């Protein structure tokens, strides 16, 4: 393998980590409040608003229904408006985030709904307001499930980043497409696959370990 390809592999790893890191942080910051909103406004929620819940849930379902490749292309004007380009790492962060926020929100919503209803009623009987219930009951009790769901989301983002790389977003996916596929370089293709497997395995093991540590029942 030539030094040039090795340099591009290193740059590809760095670009992939940048895409996943930035998109992951934004997804966590937006997806978790969205999940809390869905739980709070849903049936028997602490702030039941069925119309709001249906409207927000519909938007989430619509975005989740669109395949990532189509979503990425459809978002090109919005991506250019937001970051000034639809190519490279910056151009990939926007569609990756838009695709991942509703995905993570639905997973976190399931974890939040599994919190014992008795704990919420006990907090309400003690005079806790909604903010206290969110912060001191729902989030602490659902932490292991939320961490597990976020790990799944990050792994999905790595898969999506490879797709994004094939149409100019950079990263390991771009390298596999341009060198591995278009130039029929099997060595580069296999190297990228191995790197992606290592990356996903490390993230999954870290997420599983963290979720286990936060699980009070373990």
N, C-alpha and C. Protein backbone atom coordinates (compact mmCIF):
# COMPACT_ATOMS: atom_id res chain seq x y z
N UNK A 1 0.86 -1.19 0.00
CA UNK A 1 0.00 0.00 0.00
C UNK A 1 0.90 1.25 0.00
N UNK A 2 0.62 2.18 -0.90
CA UNK A 2 1.48 3.36 -1.05
C UNK A 2 1.30 4.33 0.12
N UNK A 3 2.35 5.14 0.38
CA UNK A 3 2.23 6.14 1.46
C UNK A 3 1.06 7.09 1.24
N UNK A 4 0.75 7.39 -0.04
CA UNK A 4 -0.38 8.28 -0.33
C UNK A 4 -1.69 7.69 0.15
N UNK A 5 -1.88 6.40 -0.12
CA UNK A 5 -3.12 5.74 0.31
C UNK A 5 -3.18 5.66 1.83
N UNK A 6 -2.02 5.39 2.46
CA UNK A 6 -2.00 5.33 3.93
C UNK A 6 -2.39 6.69 4.52
N UNK A 7 -1.86 7.76 3.92
CA UNK A 7 -2.23 9.11 4.37
C UNK A 7 -3.73 9.34 4.21
N UNK A 8 -4.27 8.89 3.08
CA UNK A 8 -5.71 9.07 2.84
C UNK A 8 -6.54 8.24 3.82
N UNK A 9 -6.04 7.07 4.19
CA UNK A 9 -6.74 6.24 5.18
C UNK A 9 -6.79 6.96 6.53
N UNK A 10 -5.65 7.53 6.91
CA UNK A 10 -5.61 8.26 8.19
C UNK A 10 -6.56 9.46 8.15
N UNK A 11 -6.54 10.18 7.02
CA UNK A 11 -7.45 11.32 6.87
C UNK A 11 -8.90 10.86 6.87
N UNK A 12 -9.16 9.69 6.25
CA UNK A 12 -10.52 9.15 6.22
C UNK A 12 -11.03 8.81 7.61
N UNK A 13 -10.15 8.23 8.43
CA UNK A 13 -10.54 7.91 9.81
C UNK A 13 -10.87 9.21 10.57
N UNK A 14 -10.00 10.20 10.41
CA UNK A 14 -10.20 11.48 11.09
C UNK A 14 -11.52 12.13 10.64
N UNK A 15 -11.77 12.14 9.32
CA UNK A 15 -13.02 12.74 8.81
C UNK A 15 -14.25 11.99 9.32
N UNK A 16 -14.18 10.66 9.34
CA UNK A 16 -15.32 9.87 9.83
C UNK A 16 -15.58 10.17 11.30
N UNK A 17 -14.52 10.24 12.10
CA UNK A 17 -14.70 10.54 13.53
C UNK A 17 -15.27 11.94 13.72
N UNK A 18 -14.85 12.89 12.88
CA UNK A 18 -15.40 14.25 12.97
C UNK A 18 -16.89 14.27 12.64
N UNK A 19 -17.26 13.57 11.56
CA UNK A 19 -18.67 13.53 11.15
C UNK A 19 -19.52 12.91 12.25
N UNK A 20 -19.08 11.76 12.75
CA UNK A 20 -19.86 11.03 13.76
C UNK A 20 -19.88 11.80 15.09
N UNK A 21 -18.72 12.39 15.46
CA UNK A 21 -18.66 13.11 16.72
C UNK A 21 -19.58 14.32 16.75
N UNK A 22 -19.49 15.14 15.70
CA UNK A 22 -20.33 16.35 15.66
C UNK A 22 -21.81 15.99 15.54
N UNK A 23 -22.12 15.07 14.63
CA UNK A 23 -23.53 14.67 14.45
C UNK A 23 -24.07 14.00 15.70
N UNK A 24 -23.24 13.21 16.36
CA UNK A 24 -23.69 12.51 17.57
C UNK A 24 -24.02 13.46 18.70
N UNK A 25 -23.17 14.47 18.90
CA UNK A 25 -23.43 15.44 19.97
C UNK A 25 -24.72 16.22 19.70
N UNK A 26 -24.90 16.65 18.44
CA UNK A 26 -26.12 17.40 18.11
C UNK A 26 -27.35 16.51 18.23
N UNK A 27 -27.20 15.25 17.82
CA UNK A 27 -28.32 14.31 17.93
C UNK A 27 -28.72 14.10 19.38
N UNK A 28 -27.74 13.97 20.25
CA UNK A 28 -28.04 13.80 21.68
C UNK A 28 -28.72 15.04 22.24
N UNK A 29 -28.22 16.21 21.85
CA UNK A 29 -28.77 17.47 22.37
C UNK A 29 -30.20 17.73 21.88
N UNK A 30 -30.53 17.28 20.68
CA UNK A 30 -31.87 17.51 20.13
C UNK A 30 -32.80 16.31 20.33
N UNK A 31 -32.25 15.12 20.22
CA UNK A 31 -33.09 13.92 20.28
C UNK A 31 -33.65 13.63 21.65
N UNK A 32 -32.86 13.87 22.69
CA UNK A 32 -33.33 13.57 24.05
C UNK A 32 -34.50 14.48 24.46
N UNK A 33 -34.39 15.81 24.27
CA UNK A 33 -35.56 16.65 24.56
C UNK A 33 -36.78 16.28 23.71
N UNK A 34 -36.53 15.86 22.47
CA UNK A 34 -37.65 15.45 21.62
C UNK A 34 -38.33 14.20 22.18
N UNK A 35 -37.52 13.26 22.69
CA UNK A 35 -38.09 12.05 23.31
C UNK A 35 -38.89 12.40 24.56
N UNK A 36 -38.37 13.32 25.38
CA UNK A 36 -39.10 13.75 26.57
C UNK A 36 -40.42 14.41 26.19
N UNK A 37 -40.40 15.21 25.11
CA UNK A 37 -41.63 15.86 24.65
C UNK A 37 -42.66 14.82 24.21
N UNK A 38 -42.20 13.79 23.49
CA UNK A 38 -43.12 12.75 23.04
C UNK A 38 -43.72 11.98 24.21
N UNK A 39 -42.91 11.70 25.23
CA UNK A 39 -43.40 10.96 26.40
C UNK A 39 -44.34 11.83 27.23
N UNK A 40 -43.95 13.08 27.44
CA UNK A 40 -44.73 13.96 28.31
C UNK A 40 -46.10 14.29 27.71
N UNK A 41 -46.15 14.45 26.37
CA UNK A 41 -47.41 14.84 25.73
C UNK A 41 -48.23 13.65 25.27
N UNK A 42 -47.69 12.44 25.43
CA UNK A 42 -48.41 11.24 25.00
C UNK A 42 -49.51 10.84 25.98
N UNK A 43 -50.17 9.75 25.67
CA UNK A 43 -51.28 9.26 26.51
C UNK A 43 -50.76 8.97 27.92
N UNK A 44 -51.47 9.50 28.92
CA UNK A 44 -51.11 9.36 30.34
C UNK A 44 -49.77 10.02 30.67
N UNK A 45 -49.29 10.90 29.80
CA UNK A 45 -48.06 11.63 30.09
C UNK A 45 -48.30 12.70 31.14
N UNK A 46 -47.21 13.25 31.67
CA UNK A 46 -47.35 14.25 32.74
C UNK A 46 -47.80 15.60 32.19
N UNK A 47 -47.83 15.76 30.86
CA UNK A 47 -48.35 16.98 30.24
C UNK A 47 -49.07 16.57 28.96
N UNK A 48 -50.10 15.76 29.14
CA UNK A 48 -50.78 15.13 27.99
C UNK A 48 -51.35 16.18 27.04
N UNK A 49 -50.89 16.15 25.82
CA UNK A 49 -51.37 17.04 24.75
C UNK A 49 -51.40 16.20 23.48
N UNK A 50 -52.53 15.57 23.25
CA UNK A 50 -52.59 14.58 22.16
C UNK A 50 -52.32 15.20 20.79
N UNK A 51 -52.81 16.44 20.58
CA UNK A 51 -52.60 17.07 19.26
C UNK A 51 -51.12 17.34 19.02
N UNK A 52 -50.46 17.89 20.05
CA UNK A 52 -49.02 18.16 19.93
C UNK A 52 -48.26 16.86 19.72
N UNK A 53 -48.63 15.85 20.48
CA UNK A 53 -47.96 14.56 20.36
C UNK A 53 -48.13 13.97 18.96
N UNK A 54 -49.33 14.05 18.42
CA UNK A 54 -49.59 13.51 17.07
C UNK A 54 -48.81 14.28 16.02
N UNK A 55 -48.76 15.61 16.16
CA UNK A 55 -48.06 16.43 15.17
C UNK A 55 -46.55 16.14 15.20
N UNK A 56 -45.98 16.14 16.40
CA UNK A 56 -44.53 15.88 16.51
C UNK A 56 -44.21 14.45 16.08
N UNK A 57 -45.06 13.51 16.51
CA UNK A 57 -44.84 12.11 16.14
C UNK A 57 -44.91 11.89 14.64
N UNK A 58 -45.81 12.62 13.98
CA UNK A 58 -45.94 12.48 12.52
C UNK A 58 -44.69 12.97 11.80
N UNK A 59 -44.14 14.11 12.26
CA UNK A 59 -42.92 14.64 11.65
C UNK A 59 -41.77 13.64 11.84
N UNK A 60 -41.67 13.10 13.04
CA UNK A 60 -40.63 12.12 13.33
C UNK A 60 -40.78 10.89 12.42
N UNK A 61 -42.01 10.42 12.26
CA UNK A 61 -42.23 9.23 11.44
C UNK A 61 -41.92 9.49 9.96
N UNK A 62 -42.27 10.69 9.49
CA UNK A 62 -42.03 11.01 8.07
C UNK A 62 -40.53 11.01 7.79
N UNK A 63 -39.75 11.68 8.67
CA UNK A 63 -38.29 11.75 8.44
C UNK A 63 -37.68 10.36 8.51
N UNK A 64 -38.16 9.55 9.46
CA UNK A 64 -37.61 8.19 9.60
C UNK A 64 -37.96 7.31 8.41
N UNK A 65 -39.02 7.66 7.70
CA UNK A 65 -39.47 6.82 6.58
C UNK A 65 -38.62 7.02 5.33
N UNK A 66 -37.90 8.13 5.25
CA UNK A 66 -37.13 8.44 4.03
C UNK A 66 -35.75 7.78 4.11
N UNK A 67 -35.40 6.96 3.12
CA UNK A 67 -34.04 6.36 3.10
C UNK A 67 -32.97 7.44 3.15
N UNK A 68 -31.85 7.14 3.80
CA UNK A 68 -30.84 8.16 4.05
C UNK A 68 -30.30 8.79 2.77
N UNK A 69 -30.07 7.98 1.74
CA UNK A 69 -29.51 8.52 0.50
C UNK A 69 -30.44 9.55 -0.11
N UNK A 70 -31.75 9.24 -0.12
CA UNK A 70 -32.73 10.18 -0.69
C UNK A 70 -32.82 11.42 0.20
N UNK A 71 -32.81 11.21 1.52
CA UNK A 71 -32.89 12.34 2.44
C UNK A 71 -31.70 13.28 2.25
N UNK A 72 -30.53 12.69 2.06
CA UNK A 72 -29.31 13.49 1.91
C UNK A 72 -29.40 14.36 0.65
N UNK A 73 -29.88 13.79 -0.43
CA UNK A 73 -30.01 14.54 -1.68
C UNK A 73 -31.08 15.62 -1.53
N UNK A 74 -32.22 15.27 -0.90
CA UNK A 74 -33.31 16.23 -0.73
C UNK A 74 -32.91 17.41 0.14
N UNK A 75 -31.97 17.17 1.06
CA UNK A 75 -31.55 18.22 1.99
C UNK A 75 -30.42 19.10 1.46
N UNK A 76 -29.98 18.86 0.23
CA UNK A 76 -28.84 19.63 -0.30
C UNK A 76 -29.05 21.14 -0.21
N UNK A 77 -30.22 21.66 -0.65
CA UNK A 77 -30.41 23.13 -0.54
C UNK A 77 -30.35 23.61 0.92
N UNK A 78 -30.98 22.84 1.82
CA UNK A 78 -30.97 23.21 3.24
C UNK A 78 -29.55 23.13 3.81
N UNK A 79 -28.81 22.09 3.41
CA UNK A 79 -27.43 21.93 3.90
C UNK A 79 -26.56 23.09 3.43
N UNK A 80 -26.70 23.48 2.16
CA UNK A 80 -25.92 24.61 1.64
C UNK A 80 -26.28 25.89 2.36
N UNK A 81 -27.56 26.06 2.64
CA UNK A 81 -28.01 27.27 3.34
C UNK A 81 -27.41 27.32 4.75
N UNK A 82 -27.31 26.15 5.37
CA UNK A 82 -26.88 26.10 6.77
C UNK A 82 -25.37 26.17 6.93
N UNK A 83 -24.62 25.41 6.13
CA UNK A 83 -23.17 25.34 6.32
C UNK A 83 -22.37 25.82 5.11
N UNK A 84 -23.08 26.20 4.02
CA UNK A 84 -22.41 26.77 2.87
C UNK A 84 -21.91 25.77 1.85
N UNK A 85 -22.06 24.48 2.12
CA UNK A 85 -21.62 23.45 1.17
C UNK A 85 -22.39 22.16 1.42
N UNK A 86 -22.50 21.35 0.38
CA UNK A 86 -23.15 20.04 0.54
C UNK A 86 -22.13 18.92 0.38
N UNK A 87 -20.84 19.30 0.29
CA UNK A 87 -19.77 18.29 0.15
C UNK A 87 -18.87 18.30 1.38
N UNK A 88 -18.11 17.24 1.51
CA UNK A 88 -17.14 17.16 2.60
C UNK A 88 -17.78 16.87 3.94
N UNK A 89 -16.97 16.99 4.97
CA UNK A 89 -17.43 16.65 6.33
C UNK A 89 -18.59 17.55 6.76
N UNK A 90 -18.45 18.85 6.53
CA UNK A 90 -19.52 19.78 6.93
C UNK A 90 -20.84 19.44 6.22
N UNK A 91 -20.74 19.12 4.94
CA UNK A 91 -21.93 18.80 4.17
C UNK A 91 -22.60 17.52 4.61
N UNK A 92 -21.86 16.64 5.28
CA UNK A 92 -22.44 15.37 5.74
C UNK A 92 -23.06 15.48 7.13
N UNK A 93 -22.57 16.42 7.93
CA UNK A 93 -23.06 16.54 9.31
C UNK A 93 -24.55 16.86 9.35
N UNK A 94 -25.00 17.73 8.45
CA UNK A 94 -26.41 18.14 8.48
C UNK A 94 -27.36 16.97 8.19
N UNK A 95 -27.21 16.26 7.05
CA UNK A 95 -28.14 15.13 6.81
C UNK A 95 -27.98 14.00 7.83
N UNK A 96 -26.76 13.75 8.30
CA UNK A 96 -26.58 12.72 9.32
C UNK A 96 -27.37 13.08 10.59
N UNK A 97 -27.32 14.36 10.96
CA UNK A 97 -28.05 14.80 12.15
C UNK A 97 -29.55 14.72 11.94
N UNK A 98 -30.02 15.20 10.79
CA UNK A 98 -31.46 15.19 10.50
C UNK A 98 -32.00 13.76 10.51
N UNK A 99 -31.22 12.82 9.99
CA UNK A 99 -31.67 11.42 9.96
C UNK A 99 -31.60 10.77 11.34
N UNK A 100 -30.64 11.19 12.16
CA UNK A 100 -30.40 10.49 13.43
C UNK A 100 -31.26 11.01 14.58
N UNK A 101 -31.62 12.29 14.55
CA UNK A 101 -32.40 12.84 15.68
C UNK A 101 -33.72 12.09 15.88
N UNK A 102 -34.57 11.93 14.86
CA UNK A 102 -35.82 11.19 15.09
C UNK A 102 -35.61 9.72 15.42
N UNK A 103 -34.55 9.13 14.84
CA UNK A 103 -34.24 7.72 15.13
C UNK A 103 -33.92 7.55 16.62
N UNK A 104 -33.02 8.41 17.11
CA UNK A 104 -32.64 8.33 18.53
C UNK A 104 -33.82 8.70 19.44
N UNK A 105 -34.61 9.70 19.02
CA UNK A 105 -35.74 10.12 19.84
C UNK A 105 -36.72 8.98 20.08
N UNK A 106 -36.99 8.19 19.05
CA UNK A 106 -37.92 7.06 19.20
C UNK A 106 -37.34 5.99 20.13
N UNK A 107 -36.03 5.73 20.03
CA UNK A 107 -35.42 4.73 20.90
C UNK A 107 -35.43 5.22 22.35
N UNK A 108 -35.07 6.50 22.55
CA UNK A 108 -35.08 7.05 23.91
C UNK A 108 -36.49 7.10 24.47
N UNK A 109 -37.46 7.37 23.60
CA UNK A 109 -38.86 7.40 24.04
C UNK A 109 -39.29 6.06 24.63
N UNK A 110 -38.88 4.98 23.98
CA UNK A 110 -39.22 3.64 24.49
C UNK A 110 -38.62 3.43 25.89
N UNK A 111 -37.37 3.84 26.07
CA UNK A 111 -36.71 3.68 27.37
C UNK A 111 -37.42 4.52 28.44
N UNK A 112 -37.82 5.73 28.09
CA UNK A 112 -38.50 6.61 29.05
C UNK A 112 -39.88 6.07 29.42
N UNK A 113 -40.57 5.46 28.46
CA UNK A 113 -41.90 4.91 28.74
C UNK A 113 -41.83 3.69 29.66
N UNK A 114 -40.67 3.05 29.71
CA UNK A 114 -40.53 1.85 30.54
C UNK A 114 -40.28 2.18 32.02
N UNK A 115 -40.11 3.47 32.32
CA UNK A 115 -39.92 3.87 33.72
C UNK A 115 -41.20 3.57 34.50
N UNK A 116 -41.03 2.99 35.68
CA UNK A 116 -42.17 2.59 36.52
C UNK A 116 -43.10 3.78 36.76
N UNK A 117 -44.37 3.62 36.38
CA UNK A 117 -45.35 4.69 36.54
C UNK A 117 -45.51 5.07 38.02
N UNK A 118 -45.30 4.08 38.91
CA UNK A 118 -45.44 4.34 40.34
C UNK A 118 -44.44 5.37 40.84
N UNK A 119 -43.23 5.37 40.27
CA UNK A 119 -42.22 6.35 40.67
C UNK A 119 -42.66 7.77 40.30
N UNK A 120 -43.27 7.90 39.12
CA UNK A 120 -43.73 9.22 38.68
C UNK A 120 -44.88 9.70 39.57
N UNK A 121 -45.81 8.80 39.88
CA UNK A 121 -46.94 9.18 40.72
C UNK A 121 -46.47 9.54 42.13
N UNK A 122 -45.46 8.80 42.62
CA UNK A 122 -44.91 9.11 43.95
C UNK A 122 -44.28 10.50 43.95
N UNK A 123 -43.56 10.83 42.87
CA UNK A 123 -42.94 12.16 42.78
C UNK A 123 -44.00 13.24 42.70
N UNK A 124 -45.08 12.97 41.95
CA UNK A 124 -46.16 13.96 41.85
C UNK A 124 -46.84 14.17 43.20
N UNK A 125 -47.02 13.06 43.94
CA UNK A 125 -47.68 13.17 45.25
C UNK A 125 -46.83 13.96 46.24
N UNK A 126 -45.51 13.99 46.01
CA UNK A 126 -44.63 14.76 46.90
C UNK A 126 -44.48 16.21 46.45
N UNK A 127 -45.21 16.58 45.40
CA UNK A 127 -45.22 17.97 44.96
C UNK A 127 -44.16 18.33 43.95
N UNK A 128 -43.51 17.33 43.36
CA UNK A 128 -42.48 17.63 42.34
C UNK A 128 -43.13 18.21 41.09
N UNK A 129 -42.51 19.22 40.52
CA UNK A 129 -43.04 19.76 39.26
C UNK A 129 -42.52 18.93 38.10
N UNK A 130 -42.96 19.31 36.91
CA UNK A 130 -42.61 18.49 35.73
C UNK A 130 -41.11 18.46 35.50
N UNK A 131 -40.44 19.58 35.69
CA UNK A 131 -39.00 19.63 35.47
C UNK A 131 -38.27 18.66 36.41
N UNK A 132 -38.71 18.64 37.69
CA UNK A 132 -38.08 17.73 38.65
C UNK A 132 -38.32 16.27 38.28
N UNK A 133 -39.52 16.00 37.78
CA UNK A 133 -39.82 14.62 37.37
C UNK A 133 -38.94 14.21 36.19
N UNK A 134 -38.76 15.14 35.24
CA UNK A 134 -37.86 14.86 34.11
C UNK A 134 -36.45 14.56 34.61
N UNK A 135 -35.93 15.47 35.43
CA UNK A 135 -34.52 15.47 35.80
C UNK A 135 -34.18 14.43 36.86
N UNK A 136 -35.10 14.23 37.81
CA UNK A 136 -34.78 13.37 38.95
C UNK A 136 -35.43 11.98 38.90
N UNK A 137 -36.38 11.78 37.99
CA UNK A 137 -37.04 10.48 37.93
C UNK A 137 -36.84 9.83 36.55
N UNK A 138 -37.38 10.49 35.52
CA UNK A 138 -37.37 9.86 34.19
C UNK A 138 -35.95 9.62 33.66
N UNK A 139 -35.14 10.68 33.62
CA UNK A 139 -33.80 10.53 33.03
C UNK A 139 -32.90 9.57 33.82
N UNK A 140 -32.84 9.67 35.16
CA UNK A 140 -31.98 8.71 35.89
C UNK A 140 -32.43 7.26 35.73
N UNK A 141 -33.75 7.03 35.74
CA UNK A 141 -34.24 5.65 35.64
C UNK A 141 -34.05 5.07 34.24
N UNK A 142 -34.11 5.95 33.24
CA UNK A 142 -34.01 5.46 31.85
C UNK A 142 -32.59 5.52 31.30
N UNK A 143 -31.61 5.94 32.11
CA UNK A 143 -30.25 6.14 31.60
C UNK A 143 -29.66 4.94 30.87
N UNK A 144 -29.74 3.72 31.43
CA UNK A 144 -29.14 2.58 30.72
C UNK A 144 -29.74 2.37 29.32
N UNK A 145 -31.06 2.48 29.23
CA UNK A 145 -31.72 2.30 27.94
C UNK A 145 -31.36 3.42 26.97
N UNK A 146 -31.25 4.65 27.50
CA UNK A 146 -30.90 5.79 26.64
C UNK A 146 -29.47 5.63 26.11
N UNK A 147 -28.56 5.21 26.99
CA UNK A 147 -27.17 4.99 26.55
C UNK A 147 -27.11 3.89 25.50
N UNK A 148 -27.85 2.80 25.75
CA UNK A 148 -27.89 1.71 24.77
C UNK A 148 -28.45 2.18 23.44
N UNK A 149 -29.51 2.99 23.49
CA UNK A 149 -30.11 3.51 22.26
C UNK A 149 -29.19 4.47 21.54
N UNK A 150 -28.45 5.27 22.30
CA UNK A 150 -27.51 6.21 21.67
C UNK A 150 -26.37 5.45 21.00
N UNK A 151 -25.97 4.34 21.61
CA UNK A 151 -24.92 3.51 20.99
C UNK A 151 -25.39 2.96 19.65
N UNK A 152 -26.62 2.48 19.63
CA UNK A 152 -27.20 1.97 18.37
C UNK A 152 -27.26 3.09 17.33
N UNK A 153 -27.63 4.29 17.79
CA UNK A 153 -27.72 5.43 16.87
C UNK A 153 -26.35 5.76 16.27
N UNK A 154 -25.31 5.76 17.11
CA UNK A 154 -23.96 6.06 16.61
C UNK A 154 -23.52 5.03 15.57
N UNK A 155 -23.80 3.77 15.85
CA UNK A 155 -23.44 2.71 14.89
C UNK A 155 -24.18 2.92 13.57
N UNK A 156 -25.46 3.29 13.66
CA UNK A 156 -26.24 3.56 12.44
C UNK A 156 -25.65 4.75 11.69
N UNK A 157 -25.16 5.74 12.43
CA UNK A 157 -24.57 6.91 11.80
C UNK A 157 -23.28 6.53 11.05
N UNK A 158 -22.52 5.61 11.60
CA UNK A 158 -21.31 5.16 10.89
C UNK A 158 -21.68 4.51 9.56
N UNK A 159 -22.73 3.69 9.58
CA UNK A 159 -23.20 3.08 8.34
C UNK A 159 -23.64 4.15 7.34
N UNK A 160 -24.38 5.14 7.85
CA UNK A 160 -24.87 6.20 6.97
C UNK A 160 -23.72 7.06 6.45
N UNK A 161 -22.68 7.27 7.28
CA UNK A 161 -21.54 8.09 6.84
C UNK A 161 -20.81 7.43 5.67
N UNK A 162 -20.83 6.08 5.64
CA UNK A 162 -20.22 5.37 4.51
C UNK A 162 -21.00 5.64 3.23
N UNK A 163 -22.34 5.69 3.35
CA UNK A 163 -23.18 6.02 2.19
C UNK A 163 -22.91 7.45 1.75
N UNK A 164 -22.83 8.34 2.74
CA UNK A 164 -22.56 9.75 2.43
C UNK A 164 -21.21 9.92 1.75
N UNK A 165 -20.24 9.12 2.17
CA UNK A 165 -18.90 9.19 1.58
C UNK A 165 -18.91 8.85 0.11
N UNK A 166 -19.82 7.99 -0.30
CA UNK A 166 -19.88 7.57 -1.70
C UNK A 166 -20.33 8.69 -2.63
N UNK A 167 -20.94 9.75 -2.07
CA UNK A 167 -21.37 10.87 -2.93
C UNK A 167 -20.69 12.17 -2.51
N UNK A 168 -19.45 12.03 -1.99
CA UNK A 168 -18.62 13.21 -1.80
C UNK A 168 -18.52 13.77 -0.41
N UNK A 169 -18.93 13.00 0.61
CA UNK A 169 -18.89 13.53 1.97
C UNK A 169 -17.54 13.30 2.65
N UNK A 170 -16.66 12.58 2.02
CA UNK A 170 -15.36 12.29 2.65
C UNK A 170 -15.45 11.13 3.61
N UNK A 171 -14.35 10.87 4.32
CA UNK A 171 -14.35 9.78 5.29
C UNK A 171 -14.01 8.44 4.67
N UNK A 172 -14.14 7.39 5.46
CA UNK A 172 -13.78 6.05 5.00
C UNK A 172 -14.67 5.56 3.85
N UNK A 173 -15.93 5.96 3.87
CA UNK A 173 -16.84 5.57 2.79
C UNK A 173 -16.39 6.12 1.45
N UNK A 174 -15.95 7.35 1.44
CA UNK A 174 -15.45 7.98 0.21
C UNK A 174 -14.21 7.25 -0.29
N UNK A 175 -13.34 6.90 0.65
CA UNK A 175 -12.10 6.20 0.30
C UNK A 175 -12.40 4.81 -0.29
N UNK A 176 -13.34 4.10 0.34
CA UNK A 176 -13.71 2.77 -0.15
C UNK A 176 -14.31 2.85 -1.55
N UNK A 177 -15.10 3.90 -1.80
CA UNK A 177 -15.75 4.04 -3.10
C UNK A 177 -14.75 4.42 -4.19
N UNK A 178 -13.95 5.45 -3.92
CA UNK A 178 -13.05 5.96 -4.97
C UNK A 178 -11.86 5.04 -5.24
N UNK A 179 -11.29 4.49 -4.16
CA UNK A 179 -10.09 3.64 -4.34
C UNK A 179 -10.46 2.16 -4.41
N UNK A 180 -11.36 1.75 -3.51
CA UNK A 180 -11.69 0.32 -3.47
C UNK A 180 -12.58 -0.13 -4.61
N UNK A 181 -13.63 0.70 -4.93
CA UNK A 181 -14.60 0.29 -5.95
C UNK A 181 -14.20 0.78 -7.34
N UNK A 182 -13.98 2.09 -7.48
CA UNK A 182 -13.72 2.64 -8.82
C UNK A 182 -12.37 2.20 -9.37
N UNK A 183 -11.37 1.99 -8.49
CA UNK A 183 -10.04 1.57 -8.96
C UNK A 183 -9.79 0.08 -8.73
N UNK A 184 -10.83 -0.59 -8.25
CA UNK A 184 -10.74 -2.06 -8.03
C UNK A 184 -9.54 -2.42 -7.15
N UNK A 185 -9.31 -1.62 -6.12
CA UNK A 185 -8.20 -1.88 -5.20
C UNK A 185 -8.75 -2.67 -4.01
N UNK A 186 -8.63 -3.98 -4.08
CA UNK A 186 -9.20 -4.85 -3.04
C UNK A 186 -8.55 -4.61 -1.68
N UNK A 187 -7.27 -4.31 -1.70
CA UNK A 187 -6.56 -4.10 -0.43
C UNK A 187 -7.14 -2.89 0.33
N UNK A 188 -7.41 -1.81 -0.39
CA UNK A 188 -7.99 -0.63 0.25
C UNK A 188 -9.39 -0.95 0.77
N UNK A 189 -10.18 -1.65 -0.06
CA UNK A 189 -11.55 -1.99 0.34
C UNK A 189 -11.54 -2.83 1.62
N UNK A 190 -10.69 -3.85 1.67
CA UNK A 190 -10.63 -4.72 2.85
C UNK A 190 -10.14 -3.95 4.08
N UNK A 191 -9.18 -3.05 3.85
CA UNK A 191 -8.65 -2.25 4.97
C UNK A 191 -9.75 -1.36 5.56
N UNK A 192 -10.53 -0.73 4.67
CA UNK A 192 -11.62 0.12 5.14
C UNK A 192 -12.65 -0.70 5.91
N UNK A 193 -12.97 -1.88 5.40
CA UNK A 193 -13.95 -2.75 6.09
C UNK A 193 -13.45 -3.11 7.48
N UNK A 194 -12.17 -3.48 7.58
CA UNK A 194 -11.59 -3.84 8.88
C UNK A 194 -11.63 -2.65 9.84
N UNK A 195 -11.28 -1.46 9.32
CA UNK A 195 -11.30 -0.26 10.17
C UNK A 195 -12.71 0.05 10.66
N UNK A 196 -13.71 -0.11 9.78
CA UNK A 196 -15.09 0.15 10.18
C UNK A 196 -15.56 -0.86 11.23
N UNK A 197 -15.18 -2.13 11.05
CA UNK A 197 -15.56 -3.16 12.02
C UNK A 197 -14.94 -2.85 13.39
N UNK A 198 -13.66 -2.46 13.38
CA UNK A 198 -12.99 -2.12 14.65
C UNK A 198 -13.67 -0.92 15.31
N UNK A 199 -14.00 0.08 14.50
CA UNK A 199 -14.64 1.29 15.04
C UNK A 199 -16.00 0.97 15.66
N UNK A 200 -16.81 0.21 14.93
CA UNK A 200 -18.14 -0.15 15.43
C UNK A 200 -18.02 -1.01 16.70
N UNK A 201 -17.09 -1.95 16.69
CA UNK A 201 -16.92 -2.83 17.85
C UNK A 201 -16.52 -2.03 19.09
N UNK A 202 -15.59 -1.09 18.92
CA UNK A 202 -15.15 -0.27 20.06
C UNK A 202 -16.31 0.56 20.61
N UNK A 203 -17.09 1.15 19.72
CA UNK A 203 -18.22 1.97 20.17
C UNK A 203 -19.26 1.11 20.86
N UNK A 204 -19.56 -0.06 20.29
CA UNK A 204 -20.58 -0.93 20.90
C UNK A 204 -20.13 -1.43 22.28
N UNK A 205 -18.87 -1.82 22.40
CA UNK A 205 -18.37 -2.31 23.70
C UNK A 205 -18.39 -1.18 24.74
N UNK A 206 -17.99 0.03 24.32
CA UNK A 206 -18.00 1.16 25.25
C UNK A 206 -19.43 1.48 25.70
N UNK A 207 -20.36 1.50 24.74
CA UNK A 207 -21.76 1.78 25.07
C UNK A 207 -22.34 0.73 26.00
N UNK A 208 -22.08 -0.55 25.70
CA UNK A 208 -22.59 -1.64 26.54
C UNK A 208 -22.03 -1.55 27.95
N UNK A 209 -20.75 -1.24 28.05
CA UNK A 209 -20.10 -1.14 29.36
C UNK A 209 -20.69 0.01 30.18
N UNK A 210 -20.88 1.15 29.51
CA UNK A 210 -21.44 2.32 30.20
C UNK A 210 -22.87 2.06 30.65
N UNK A 211 -23.66 1.44 29.78
CA UNK A 211 -25.06 1.13 30.14
C UNK A 211 -25.10 0.16 31.31
N UNK A 212 -24.19 -0.81 31.34
CA UNK A 212 -24.14 -1.77 32.44
C UNK A 212 -23.78 -1.06 33.76
N UNK A 213 -22.84 -0.14 33.70
CA UNK A 213 -22.43 0.58 34.91
C UNK A 213 -23.56 1.45 35.46
N UNK A 214 -24.41 1.98 34.56
CA UNK A 214 -25.50 2.86 35.00
C UNK A 214 -26.76 2.11 35.39
N UNK A 215 -26.78 0.82 35.13
CA UNK A 215 -27.96 0.02 35.45
C UNK A 215 -27.95 -0.36 36.92
N UNK A 216 -28.87 0.18 37.67
CA UNK A 216 -28.93 -0.09 39.11
C UNK A 216 -29.27 -1.54 39.40
N UNK A 217 -29.95 -2.20 38.43
CA UNK A 217 -30.39 -3.57 38.66
C UNK A 217 -29.29 -4.57 38.40
N UNK A 218 -28.15 -4.11 37.81
CA UNK A 218 -27.08 -5.05 37.44
C UNK A 218 -26.32 -5.52 38.68
